[in-house]
Amino acid sequence: MKLLARIGLAALLAATLAQMPQTASARHDRWHQDARERTHFVPSLAADRRISLEQAIDSVQRATGGRVLDAKDLGSQYRIKVLTRRGEVRVVIVDARTGAMSQ
């Protein structure tokens, strides 16, 4: 009985050792595949860039030559209220991503 147990244990150990390098190799390959996938799905930093509210205010002041009365961040755009040199109150909308202005 002891002989059969030793043979069985030796066979189990040999099978386990034979599989270990493959398992380690498979883990290594999987890790690199995961790293490539993570790199592939990283969003572009340029797509997330926004101009700041201060930059939007400066642009509107330069474009209108007026004085900013109020400025609000609405998420994807800024709403800037300006008193022009002619004494008119205008609302200028500035796209937060591109800096494009519209009235």
C-alpha atoms as a PDB file:
ATOM      1  CA  MET A   1       0.000   0.000   0.000  1.00  0.00           C
ATOM      2  CA  LYS A   2       2.781   2.391   0.851  1.00  0.00           C
ATOM      3  CA  LEU A   3       4.379   1.767  -2.509  1.00  0.00           C
ATOM      4  CA  LEU A   4       1.158   2.628  -4.369  1.00  0.00           C
ATOM      5  CA  ALA A   5       0.712   5.798  -2.326  1.00  0.00           C
ATOM      6  CA  ARG A   6       4.274   6.880  -3.093  1.00  0.00           C
ATOM      7  CA  ILE A   7       3.827   6.165  -6.803  1.00  0.00           C
ATOM      8  CA  GLY A   8       0.535   8.092  -6.825  1.00  0.00           C
ATOM      9  CA  LEU A   9       2.094  11.012  -4.950  1.00  0.00           C
ATOM     10  CA  ALA A  10       5.104  11.033  -7.276  1.00  0.00           C
ATOM     11  CA  ALA A  11       2.829  10.986 -10.318  1.00  0.00           C
ATOM     12  CA  LEU A  12       0.739  13.849  -8.910  1.00  0.00           C
ATOM     13  CA  LEU A  13       3.879  15.862  -8.137  1.00  0.00           C
ATOM     14  CA  ALA A  14       5.313  15.215 -11.609  1.00  0.00           C
ATOM     15  CA  ALA A  15       2.045  16.277 -13.266  1.00  0.00           C
ATOM     16  CA  THR A  16       1.909  19.429 -11.160  1.00  0.00           C
ATOM     17  CA  LEU A  17       5.519  20.346 -11.920  1.00  0.00           C
ATOM     18  CA  ALA A  18       4.986  19.696 -15.625  1.00  0.00           C
ATOM     19  CA  GLN A  19       2.103  22.163 -15.685  1.00  0.00           C
ATOM     20  CA  MET A  20       3.758  24.936 -13.652  1.00  0.00           C
ATOM     21  CA  PRO A  21       5.911  26.444 -16.426  1.00  0.00           C
ATOM     22  CA  GLN A  22       2.903  26.518 -18.755  1.00  0.00           C
ATOM     23  CA  THR A  23       0.787  28.150 -16.074  1.00  0.00           C
ATOM     24  CA  ALA A  24       3.449  30.766 -15.371  1.00  0.00           C
ATOM     25  CA  SER A  25       3.862  31.382 -19.082  1.00  0.00           C
ATOM     26  CA  ALA A  26       0.110  31.674 -19.548  1.00  0.00           C
ATOM     27  CA  ARG A  27      -0.072  34.167 -16.689  1.00  0.00           C
ATOM     28  CA  HIS A  28       2.776  36.149 -18.234  1.00  0.00           C
ATOM     29  CA  ASP A  29       1.051  36.234 -21.631  1.00  0.00           C
ATOM     30  CA  ARG A  30      -2.297  37.142 -20.050  1.00  0.00           C
ATOM     31  CA  TRP A  31      -0.709  39.996 -18.083  1.00  0.00           C
ATOM     32  CA  HIS A  32       0.789  41.453 -21.251  1.00  0.00           C
ATOM     33  CA  GLN A  33      -2.510  41.035 -23.096  1.00  0.00           C
ATOM     34  CA  ASP A  34      -4.309  42.857 -20.265  1.00  0.00           C
ATOM     35  CA  ALA A  35      -1.724  45.641 -20.387  1.00  0.00           C
ATOM     36  CA  ARG A  36      -2.229  46.045 -24.156  1.00  0.00           C
ATOM     37  CA  GLU A  37      -6.006  46.157 -23.704  1.00  0.00           C
ATOM     38  CA  ARG A  38      -5.743  48.772 -20.965  1.00  0.00           C
ATOM     39  CA  THR A  39      -3.497  50.917 -23.143  1.00  0.00           C
ATOM     40  CA  HIS A  40      -5.931  50.568 -26.039  1.00  0.00           C
ATOM     41  CA  PHE A  41      -8.875  51.850 -23.990  1.00  0.00           C
ATOM     42  CA  VAL A  42      -7.149  54.833 -22.391  1.00  0.00           C
ATOM     43  CA  PRO A  43      -9.152  57.890 -23.498  1.00  0.00           C
ATOM     44  CA  SER A  44      -7.333  60.660 -25.271  1.00  0.00           C
ATOM     45  CA  LEU A  45      -6.275  63.413 -22.931  1.00  0.00           C
ATOM     46  CA  ALA A  46      -6.834  65.987 -25.649  1.00  0.00           C
ATOM     47  CA  ALA A  47     -10.521  65.043 -25.790  1.00  0.00           C
ATOM     48  CA  ASP A  48     -10.901  65.881 -22.096  1.00  0.00           C
ATOM     49  CA  ARG A  49      -9.168  69.242 -22.230  1.00  0.00           C
ATOM     50  CA  ARG A  50     -11.217  72.314 -21.571  1.00  0.00           C
ATOM     51  CA  ILE A  51     -10.432  75.955 -21.609  1.00  0.00           C
ATOM     52  CA  SER A  52     -10.826  77.471 -18.180  1.00  0.00           C
ATOM     53  CA  LEU A  53     -13.512  79.983 -17.253  1.00  0.00           C
ATOM     54  CA  GLU A  54     -10.772  82.588 -16.869  1.00  0.00           C
ATOM     55  CA  GLN A  55      -9.511  81.909 -20.398  1.00  0.00           C
ATOM     56  CA  ALA A  56     -13.066  82.210 -21.731  1.00  0.00           C
ATOM     57  CA  ILE A  57     -13.526  85.539 -19.921  1.00  0.00           C
ATOM     58  CA  ASP A  58     -10.251  86.872 -21.337  1.00  0.00           C
ATOM     59  CA  SER A  59     -11.256  85.839 -24.866  1.00  0.00           C
ATOM     60  CA  VAL A  60     -14.649  87.523 -24.580  1.00  0.00           C
ATOM     61  CA  GLN A  61     -13.109  90.712 -23.172  1.00  0.00           C
ATOM     62  CA  ARG A  62     -10.620  90.883 -26.028  1.00  0.00           C
ATOM     63  CA  ALA A  63     -13.279  90.141 -28.650  1.00  0.00           C
ATOM     64  CA  THR A  64     -15.845  92.640 -27.382  1.00  0.00           C
ATOM     65  CA  GLY A  65     -13.673  95.260 -25.719  1.00  0.00           C
ATOM     66  CA  GLY A  66     -16.255  95.267 -22.915  1.00  0.00           C
ATOM     67  CA  ARG A  67     -16.432  94.602 -19.200  1.00  0.00           C
ATOM     68  CA  VAL A  68     -17.601  91.237 -17.902  1.00  0.00           C
ATOM     69  CA  LEU A  69     -20.610  91.540 -15.617  1.00  0.00           C
ATOM     70  CA  ASP A  70     -21.206  87.856 -14.932  1.00  0.00           C
ATOM     71  CA  ALA A  71     -19.779  84.473 -15.927  1.00  0.00           C
ATOM     72  CA  LYS A  72     -21.191  81.001 -15.329  1.00  0.00           C
ATOM     73  CA  ASP A  73     -19.861  77.523 -15.986  1.00  0.00           C
ATOM     74  CA  LEU A  74     -22.676  75.467 -17.539  1.00  0.00           C
ATOM     75  CA  GLY A  75     -20.597  72.312 -18.036  1.00  0.00           C
ATOM     76  CA  SER A  76     -19.954  72.087 -21.765  1.00  0.00           C
ATOM     77  CA  GLN A  77     -20.115  75.855 -22.227  1.00  0.00           C
ATOM     78  CA  TYR A  78     -19.667  79.150 -20.405  1.00  0.00           C
ATOM     79  CA  ARG A  79     -22.276  81.905 -20.293  1.00  0.00           C
ATOM     80  CA  ILE A  80     -20.596  85.303 -20.072  1.00  0.00           C
ATOM     81  CA  LYS A  81     -22.535  88.562 -19.725  1.00  0.00           C
ATOM     82  CA  VAL A  82     -20.646  91.596 -21.032  1.00  0.00           C
ATOM     83  CA  LEU A  83     -21.236  95.370 -20.954  1.00  0.00           C
ATOM     84  CA  THR A  84     -19.895  96.611 -24.303  1.00  0.00           C
ATOM     85  CA  ARG A  85     -18.222  99.977 -24.908  1.00  0.00           C
ATOM     86  CA  ARG A  86     -21.492 101.182 -26.443  1.00  0.00           C
ATOM     87  CA  GLY A  87     -23.320 100.435 -23.200  1.00  0.00           C
ATOM     88  CA  GLU A  88     -25.090  97.327 -24.493  1.00  0.00           C
ATOM     89  CA  VAL A  89     -25.394  94.210 -22.381  1.00  0.00           C
ATOM     90  CA  ARG A  90     -24.604  91.069 -24.373  1.00  0.00           C
ATOM     91  CA  VAL A  91     -24.537  87.407 -23.458  1.00  0.00           C
ATOM     92  CA  VAL A  92     -21.763  85.439 -25.109  1.00  0.00           C
ATOM     93  CA  ILE A  93     -21.705  81.635 -25.039  1.00  0.00           C
ATOM     94  CA  VAL A  94     -18.234  80.057 -25.153  1.00  0.00           C
ATOM     95  CA  ASP A  95     -17.763  76.370 -25.965  1.00  0.00           C
ATOM     96  CA  ALA A  96     -15.696  74.938 -23.088  1.00  0.00           C
ATOM     97  CA  ARG A  97     -13.803  72.514 -25.329  1.00  0.00           C
ATOM     98  CA  THR A  98     -13.069  74.620 -28.411  1.00  0.00           C
ATOM     99  CA  GLY A  99     -13.295  78.192 -27.131  1.00  0.00           C
ATOM    100  CA  ALA A 100     -15.679  79.102 -29.977  1.00  0.00           C
ATOM    101  CA  MET A 101     -17.923  82.069 -29.164  1.00  0.00           C
ATOM    102  CA  SER A 102     -21.539  82.659 -30.147  1.00  0.00           C
ATOM    103  CA  GLN A 103     -24.110  85.247 -29.173  1.00  0.00           C
END
